[in-house]
PDB file of N, CA and C in Angstrom:
ATOM      1  N   MET A   1     -10.503  17.803  -4.465  1.00  0.00           N
ATOM      2  CA  MET A   1      -9.642  17.428  -4.889  1.00  0.00           C
ATOM      3  C   MET A   1      -9.503  15.592  -4.002  1.00  0.00           C
ATOM      4  N   LYS A   2      -9.139  14.648  -4.750  1.00  0.00           N
ATOM      5  CA  LYS A   2      -9.119  12.699  -4.765  1.00  0.00           C
ATOM      6  C   LYS A   2      -7.761  13.083  -4.537  1.00  0.00           C
ATOM      7  N   ALA A   3      -7.553  12.286  -3.914  1.00  0.00           N
ATOM      8  CA  ALA A   3      -5.852  11.431  -3.994  1.00  0.00           C
ATOM      9  C   ALA A   3      -5.943  10.158  -3.186  1.00  0.00           C
ATOM     10  N   ARG A   4      -4.876   9.792  -3.522  1.00  0.00           N
ATOM     11  CA  ARG A   4      -4.876   7.813  -3.697  1.00  0.00           C
ATOM     12  C   ARG A   4      -3.839   7.736  -3.191  1.00  0.00           C
ATOM     13  N   VAL A   5      -3.654   7.110  -2.271  1.00  0.00           N
ATOM     14  CA  VAL A   5      -2.579   6.333  -1.456  1.00  0.00           C
ATOM     15  C   VAL A   5      -1.875   5.338  -1.280  1.00  0.00           C
ATOM     16  N   TYR A   6      -0.954   4.454  -1.713  1.00  0.00           N
ATOM     17  CA  TYR A   6      -0.311   3.629  -1.831  1.00  0.00           C
ATOM     18  C   TYR A   6       0.388   2.993  -1.050  1.00  0.00           C
ATOM     19  N   VAL A   7      -0.211   2.229   0.131  1.00  0.00           N
ATOM     20  CA  VAL A   7       0.741   1.920   1.116  1.00  0.00           C
ATOM     21  C   VAL A   7       1.535   0.235   0.820  1.00  0.00           C
ATOM     22  N   MET A   8       2.766  -0.058   1.115  1.00  0.00           N
ATOM     23  CA  MET A   8       3.125  -1.597   0.810  1.00  0.00           C
ATOM     24  C   MET A   8       3.956  -1.463   2.001  1.00  0.00           C
ATOM     25  N   LEU A   9       4.253  -2.790   2.317  1.00  0.00           N
ATOM     26  CA  LEU A   9       5.647  -3.104   3.264  1.00  0.00           C
ATOM     27  C   LEU A   9       7.191  -2.509   2.657  1.00  0.00           C
ATOM     28  N   LYS A  10       8.020  -2.268   3.337  1.00  0.00           N
ATOM     29  CA  LYS A  10       9.351  -1.689   2.958  1.00  0.00           C
ATOM     30  C   LYS A  10       9.678  -3.382   2.434  1.00  0.00           C
ATOM     31  N   ASP A  11      10.933  -3.304   1.583  1.00  0.00           N
ATOM     32  CA  ASP A  11      11.339  -4.650   1.029  1.00  0.00           C
ATOM     33  C   ASP A  11      12.719  -4.476   2.103  1.00  0.00           C
ATOM     34  N   GLY A  12      12.229  -6.042   2.387  1.00  0.00           N
ATOM     35  CA  GLY A  12      13.202  -7.005   3.815  1.00  0.00           C
ATOM     36  C   GLY A  12      12.196  -7.088   5.075  1.00  0.00           C
ATOM     37  N   VAL A  13      11.189  -6.433   4.402  1.00  0.00           N
ATOM     38  CA  VAL A  13       9.761  -7.198   5.830  1.00  0.00           C
ATOM     39  C   VAL A  13       9.476  -8.356   5.554  1.00  0.00           C
ATOM     40  N   LEU A  14       9.133  -9.022   6.109  1.00  0.00           N
ATOM     41  CA  LEU A  14       8.422 -10.184   5.852  1.00  0.00           C
ATOM     42  C   LEU A  14       7.022  -9.909   5.712  1.00  0.00           C
ATOM     43  N   ASP A  15       6.243 -10.430   4.763  1.00  0.00           N
ATOM     44  CA  ASP A  15       4.811 -10.308   4.121  1.00  0.00           C
ATOM     45  C   ASP A  15       4.041 -11.325   4.107  1.00  0.00           C
ATOM     46  N   PRO A  16       3.657 -12.042   5.131  1.00  0.00           N
ATOM     47  CA  PRO A  16       2.910 -13.748   5.192  1.00  0.00           C
ATOM     48  C   PRO A  16       1.624 -13.585   4.499  1.00  0.00           C
ATOM     49  N   GLN A  17       0.800 -12.602   4.634  1.00  0.00           N
ATOM     50  CA  GLN A  17      -0.334 -12.266   3.483  1.00  0.00           C
ATOM     51  C   GLN A  17       0.011 -12.394   2.613  1.00  0.00           C
ATOM     52  N   GLY A  18       0.746 -11.943   1.304  1.00  0.00           N
ATOM     53  CA  GLY A  18       1.462 -12.252   0.330  1.00  0.00           C
ATOM     54  C   GLY A  18       1.652 -13.383   0.280  1.00  0.00           C
ATOM     55  N   ALA A  19       3.021 -14.088   1.301  1.00  0.00           N
ATOM     56  CA  ALA A  19       2.866 -15.451   0.497  1.00  0.00           C
ATOM     57  C   ALA A  19       2.183 -16.777   1.091  1.00  0.00           C
ATOM     58  N   ALA A  20       0.678 -16.153   1.862  1.00  0.00           N
ATOM     59  CA  ALA A  20      -0.389 -17.416   1.593  1.00  0.00           C
ATOM     60  C   ALA A  20      -1.048 -16.978   0.401  1.00  0.00           C
ATOM     61  N   VAL A  21      -1.073 -15.744  -0.137  1.00  0.00           N
ATOM     62  CA  VAL A  21      -1.588 -15.460  -1.626  1.00  0.00           C
ATOM     63  C   VAL A  21      -0.969 -16.287  -2.371  1.00  0.00           C
ATOM     64  N   GLN A  22       0.361 -16.071  -2.695  1.00  0.00           N
ATOM     65  CA  GLN A  22       1.357 -16.919  -3.580  1.00  0.00           C
ATOM     66  C   GLN A  22       1.321 -18.019  -3.221  1.00  0.00           C
ATOM     67  N   HIS A  23       1.132 -18.928  -2.194  1.00  0.00           N
ATOM     68  CA  HIS A  23       0.861 -20.466  -1.944  1.00  0.00           C
ATOM     69  C   HIS A  23      -0.857 -20.782  -2.705  1.00  0.00           C
ATOM     70  N   ALA A  24      -1.356 -20.384  -2.086  1.00  0.00           N
ATOM     71  CA  ALA A  24      -2.781 -20.182  -2.422  1.00  0.00           C
ATOM     72  C   ALA A  24      -3.346 -20.396  -4.252  1.00  0.00           C
ATOM     73  N   LEU A  25      -2.334 -19.675  -5.100  1.00  0.00           N
ATOM     74  CA  LEU A  25      -1.967 -18.944  -6.487  1.00  0.00           C
ATOM     75  C   LEU A  25      -1.856 -20.280  -7.361  1.00  0.00           C
ATOM     76  N   GLY A  26      -0.302 -20.472  -6.047  1.00  0.00           N
ATOM     77  CA  GLY A  26       0.147 -22.010  -6.653  1.00  0.00           C
ATOM     78  C   GLY A  26      -1.229 -23.460  -6.222  1.00  0.00           C
ATOM     79  N   ALA A  27      -1.599 -23.138  -5.015  1.00  0.00           N
ATOM     80  CA  ALA A  27      -2.742 -24.164  -5.234  1.00  0.00           C
ATOM     81  C   ALA A  27      -3.497 -24.166  -6.386  1.00  0.00           C
ATOM     82  N   LEU A  28      -4.077 -23.721  -6.633  1.00  0.00           N
ATOM     83  CA  LEU A  28      -4.895 -23.212  -7.549  1.00  0.00           C
ATOM     84  C   LEU A  28      -4.586 -23.481  -9.296  1.00  0.00           C
ATOM     85  N   GLY A  29      -3.472 -24.220  -9.667  1.00  0.00           N
ATOM     86  CA  GLY A  29      -2.839 -24.025 -10.554  1.00  0.00           C
ATOM     87  C   GLY A  29      -2.342 -23.127 -11.114  1.00  0.00           C
ATOM     88  N   PHE A  30      -2.206 -21.731 -10.822  1.00  0.00           N
ATOM     89  CA  PHE A  30      -1.157 -20.957 -11.045  1.00  0.00           C
ATOM     90  C   PHE A  30       0.036 -20.855 -10.977  1.00  0.00           C
ATOM     91  N   GLY A  31       0.777 -21.598 -11.390  1.00  0.00           N
ATOM     92  CA  GLY A  31       2.392 -21.604 -11.870  1.00  0.00           C
ATOM     93  C   GLY A  31       2.717 -19.942 -11.955  1.00  0.00           C
ATOM     94  N   GLY A  32       4.495 -20.062 -11.844  1.00  0.00           N
ATOM     95  CA  GLY A  32       5.094 -19.151 -11.886  1.00  0.00           C
ATOM     96  C   GLY A  32       4.719 -17.713 -11.530  1.00  0.00           C
ATOM     97  N   VAL A  33       4.215 -17.869 -10.120  1.00  0.00           N
ATOM     98  CA  VAL A  33       4.084 -16.395  -9.184  1.00  0.00           C
ATOM     99  C   VAL A  33       5.255 -16.963  -8.656  1.00  0.00           C
ATOM    100  N   ASN A  34       5.821 -16.052  -8.770  1.00  0.00           N
ATOM    101  CA  ASN A  34       7.723 -15.794  -7.773  1.00  0.00           C
ATOM    102  C   ASN A  34       7.523 -15.267  -6.501  1.00  0.00           C
ATOM    103  N   GLY A  35       6.501 -14.342  -6.763  1.00  0.00           N
ATOM    104  CA  GLY A  35       6.472 -13.638  -5.401  1.00  0.00           C
ATOM    105  C   GLY A  35       4.815 -12.362  -5.034  1.00  0.00           C
ATOM    106  N   VAL A  36       4.832 -12.362  -4.109  1.00  0.00           N
ATOM    107  CA  VAL A  36       3.926 -11.959  -4.002  1.00  0.00           C
ATOM    108  C   VAL A  36       3.835 -10.394  -3.171  1.00  0.00           C
ATOM    109  N   ARG A  37       3.425  -9.614  -2.968  1.00  0.00           N
ATOM    110  CA  ARG A  37       3.776  -8.330  -1.922  1.00  0.00           C
ATOM    111  C   ARG A  37       2.528  -8.239  -1.893  1.00  0.00           C
ATOM    112  N   GLN A  38       1.779  -7.738  -0.451  1.00  0.00           N
ATOM    113  CA  GLN A  38      -0.058  -7.433  -0.373  1.00  0.00           C
ATOM    114  C   GLN A  38       0.653  -5.801   0.069  1.00  0.00           C
ATOM    115  N   GLY A  39      -0.447  -5.379  -0.411  1.00  0.00           N
ATOM    116  CA  GLY A  39      -0.636  -3.960   0.106  1.00  0.00           C
ATOM    117  C   GLY A  39      -1.997  -3.179   0.692  1.00  0.00           C
ATOM    118  N   LYS A  40      -2.122  -1.745   0.562  1.00  0.00           N
ATOM    119  CA  LYS A  40      -3.352  -1.249   0.265  1.00  0.00           C
ATOM    120  C   LYS A  40      -3.666  -0.198  -0.216  1.00  0.00           C
ATOM    121  N   VAL A  41      -4.999   0.046  -0.670  1.00  0.00           N
ATOM    122  CA  VAL A  41      -4.845   1.493  -1.392  1.00  0.00           C
ATOM    123  C   VAL A  41      -6.051   2.079  -0.811  1.00  0.00           C
ATOM    124  N   ILE A  42      -5.612   4.070  -0.416  1.00  0.00           N
ATOM    125  CA  ILE A  42      -6.617   3.984   0.425  1.00  0.00           C
ATOM    126  C   ILE A  42      -6.599   5.594  -0.727  1.00  0.00           C
ATOM    127  N   GLU A  43      -8.554   5.743  -1.034  1.00  0.00           N
ATOM    128  CA  GLU A  43      -9.015   6.792  -1.320  1.00  0.00           C
ATOM    129  C   GLU A  43      -9.211   8.016  -0.860  1.00  0.00           C
ATOM    130  N   LEU A  44      -8.501   8.907  -0.828  1.00  0.00           N
ATOM    131  CA  LEU A  44      -9.038  10.537   0.231  1.00  0.00           C
ATOM    132  C   LEU A  44     -10.139  11.308  -0.429  1.00  0.00           C
ATOM    133  N   ASP A  45     -10.943  11.656  -0.762  1.00  0.00           N
ATOM    134  CA  ASP A  45     -11.696  12.858  -0.636  1.00  0.00           C
ATOM    135  C   ASP A  45     -11.939  14.060   0.030  1.00  0.00           C
ATOM    136  N   LEU A  46     -11.265  14.912  -0.583  1.00  0.00           N
ATOM    137  CA  LEU A  46     -10.861  15.852   0.280  1.00  0.00           C
ATOM    138  C   LEU A  46     -11.367  17.328  -0.031  1.00  0.00           C
ATOM    139  N   ALA A  47     -10.989  18.389   0.946  1.00  0.00           N
ATOM    140  CA  ALA A  47     -11.786  19.882   0.658  1.00  0.00           C
ATOM    141  C   ALA A  47     -11.081  20.271  -0.730  1.00  0.00           C
ATOM    142  N   ASP A  48     -11.167  21.031  -1.294  1.00  0.00           N
ATOM    143  CA  ASP A  48     -10.567  21.994  -2.476  1.00  0.00           C
ATOM    144  C   ASP A  48      -9.512  22.953  -1.154  1.00  0.00           C
ATOM    145  N   GLY A  49      -8.578  23.158  -1.701  1.00  0.00           N
ATOM    146  CA  GLY A  49      -7.142  23.775  -1.145  1.00  0.00           C
ATOM    147  C   GLY A  49      -6.179  22.924  -0.325  1.00  0.00           C
ATOM    148  N   THR A  50      -6.885  21.678   0.069  1.00  0.00           N
ATOM    149  CA  THR A  50      -6.283  20.474   0.727  1.00  0.00           C
ATOM    150  C   THR A  50      -4.593  20.458   0.233  1.00  0.00           C
ATOM    151  N   THR A  51      -3.842  20.358   0.464  1.00  0.00           N
ATOM    152  CA  THR A  51      -2.454  20.212   0.199  1.00  0.00           C
ATOM    153  C   THR A  51      -1.953  18.856  -0.242  1.00  0.00           C
ATOM    154  N   GLU A  52      -0.797  18.228  -1.143  1.00  0.00           N
ATOM    155  CA  GLU A  52      -0.325  17.071  -0.604  1.00  0.00           C
ATOM    156  C   GLU A  52       0.220  17.164   0.314  1.00  0.00           C
ATOM    157  N   ASP A  53       0.887  18.497   0.405  1.00  0.00           N
ATOM    158  CA  ASP A  53       1.497  18.175   1.948  1.00  0.00           C
ATOM    159  C   ASP A  53       1.213  17.804   3.181  1.00  0.00           C
ATOM    160  N   THR A  54      -0.525  18.199   3.219  1.00  0.00           N
ATOM    161  CA  THR A  54      -1.388  17.851   4.567  1.00  0.00           C
ATOM    162  C   THR A  54      -1.700  15.914   4.103  1.00  0.00           C
ATOM    163  N   VAL A  55      -1.876  15.507   3.071  1.00  0.00           N
ATOM    164  CA  VAL A  55      -1.862  14.192   2.490  1.00  0.00           C
ATOM    165  C   VAL A  55      -0.544  13.588   3.262  1.00  0.00           C
ATOM    166  N   THR A  56       0.538  14.299   2.842  1.00  0.00           N
ATOM    167  CA  THR A  56       2.066  13.502   3.673  1.00  0.00           C
ATOM    168  C   THR A  56       1.815  13.365   5.370  1.00  0.00           C
ATOM    169  N   HIS A  57       1.292  14.665   5.720  1.00  0.00           N
ATOM    170  CA  HIS A  57       1.213  14.340   7.198  1.00  0.00           C
ATOM    171  C   HIS A  57       0.017  13.768   7.476  1.00  0.00           C
ATOM    172  N   MET A  58      -0.875  13.405   6.569  1.00  0.00           N
ATOM    173  CA  MET A  58      -2.009  12.319   7.274  1.00  0.00           C
ATOM    174  C   MET A  58      -1.238  10.678   7.313  1.00  0.00           C
ATOM    175  N   CYS A  59      -0.196  11.018   5.941  1.00  0.00           N
ATOM    176  CA  CYS A  59       0.197   9.582   6.074  1.00  0.00           C
ATOM    177  C   CYS A  59       1.338   9.224   7.210  1.00  0.00           C
ATOM    178  N   GLU A  60       2.401  10.188   7.463  1.00  0.00           N
ATOM    179  CA  GLU A  60       2.965  10.294   8.423  1.00  0.00           C
ATOM    180  C   GLU A  60       2.301   9.533   9.953  1.00  0.00           C
ATOM    181  N   LYS A  61       0.969  10.382  10.052  1.00  0.00           N
ATOM    182  CA  LYS A  61       0.419  10.355  11.681  1.00  0.00           C
ATOM    183  C   LYS A  61      -0.134   8.884  11.821  1.00  0.00           C
ATOM    184  N   LEU A  62      -0.899   8.376  10.639  1.00  0.00           N
ATOM    185  CA  LEU A  62      -1.643   7.633  10.670  1.00  0.00           C
ATOM    186  C   LEU A  62      -2.121   6.728   9.965  1.00  0.00           C
ATOM    187  N   LEU A  63      -2.086   6.777   8.236  1.00  0.00           N
ATOM    188  CA  LEU A  63      -2.127   6.098   7.491  1.00  0.00           C
ATOM    189  C   LEU A  63      -1.106   5.013   7.213  1.00  0.00           C
ATOM    190  N   ALA A  64       0.103   5.365   7.222  1.00  0.00           N
ATOM    191  CA  ALA A  64       1.211   4.230   7.163  1.00  0.00           C
ATOM    192  C   ALA A  64       1.877   4.020   8.068  1.00  0.00           C
ATOM    193  N   ASN A  65       2.336   3.039   8.535  1.00  0.00           N
ATOM    194  CA  ASN A  65       3.274   2.760   9.572  1.00  0.00           C
ATOM    195  C   ASN A  65       4.799   2.570   8.881  1.00  0.00           C
ATOM    196  N   THR A  66       5.524   4.048   9.140  1.00  0.00           N
ATOM    197  CA  THR A  66       6.419   4.206   8.318  1.00  0.00           C
ATOM    198  C   THR A  66       8.033   3.497   8.966  1.00  0.00           C
ATOM    199  N   VAL A  67       7.351   2.469  10.156  1.00  0.00           N
ATOM    200  CA  VAL A  67       8.896   1.750   9.941  1.00  0.00           C
ATOM    201  C   VAL A  67       9.260   0.843   9.155  1.00  0.00           C
ATOM    202  N   ILE A  68       7.866   0.004   8.869  1.00  0.00           N
ATOM    203  CA  ILE A  68       8.318  -1.053   8.576  1.00  0.00           C
ATOM    204  C   ILE A  68       7.039  -0.573   7.051  1.00  0.00           C
ATOM    205  N   GLU A  69       6.298   0.592   6.422  1.00  0.00           N
ATOM    206  CA  GLU A  69       5.856   0.232   5.029  1.00  0.00           C
ATOM    207  C   GLU A  69       6.183   2.195   4.688  1.00  0.00           C
ATOM    208  N   SER A  70       6.296   1.466   3.254  1.00  0.00           N
ATOM    209  CA  SER A  70       6.297   2.879   1.987  1.00  0.00           C
ATOM    210  C   SER A  70       5.251   3.606   1.332  1.00  0.00           C
ATOM    211  N   TYR A  71       5.338   4.527   1.383  1.00  0.00           N
ATOM    212  CA  TYR A  71       3.735   4.751   0.725  1.00  0.00           C
ATOM    213  C   TYR A  71       3.984   5.992  -0.358  1.00  0.00           C
ATOM    214  N   ARG A  72       3.008   5.946  -1.073  1.00  0.00           N
ATOM    215  CA  ARG A  72       2.792   7.066  -2.461  1.00  0.00           C
ATOM    216  C   ARG A  72       1.880   7.670  -2.801  1.00  0.00           C
ATOM    217  N   ILE A  73       1.900   8.723  -2.976  1.00  0.00           N
ATOM    218  CA  ILE A  73       0.965   9.567  -3.091  1.00  0.00           C
ATOM    219  C   ILE A  73       0.576   9.880  -4.612  1.00  0.00           C
ATOM    220  N   GLU A  74      -0.877   9.933  -4.605  1.00  0.00           N
ATOM    221  CA  GLU A  74      -0.850  10.116  -6.757  1.00  0.00           C
ATOM    222  C   GLU A  74      -2.295  11.023  -5.828  1.00  0.00           C
ATOM    223  N   VAL A  75      -2.138  12.025  -6.704  1.00  0.00           N
ATOM    224  CA  VAL A  75      -3.631  13.441  -6.703  1.00  0.00           C
ATOM    225  C   VAL A  75      -4.266  13.055  -7.867  1.00  0.00           C
ATOM    226  N   ILE A  76      -5.530  12.815  -7.783  1.00  0.00           N
ATOM    227  CA  ILE A  76      -6.332  12.253  -8.859  1.00  0.00           C
ATOM    228  C   ILE A  76      -7.898  13.366  -9.113  1.00  0.00           C
TER     229      ILE A  76
END
């Protein structure tokens, strides 16, 4: 089983990396970018029989800081 975990900062949490990317895009002449939020994607290659519930526990314990980040799991 393979799973993809998408981790993003929660709404309202400042995203300095996203702001830096937005500024750099403007400096390169790419106008019209009103906001950038940066996150991460984690791909997991899991043993057969691993459940989505197990992946949720992985996210809660290590892959996402649930105080400031949200996550979404996609089984692929």
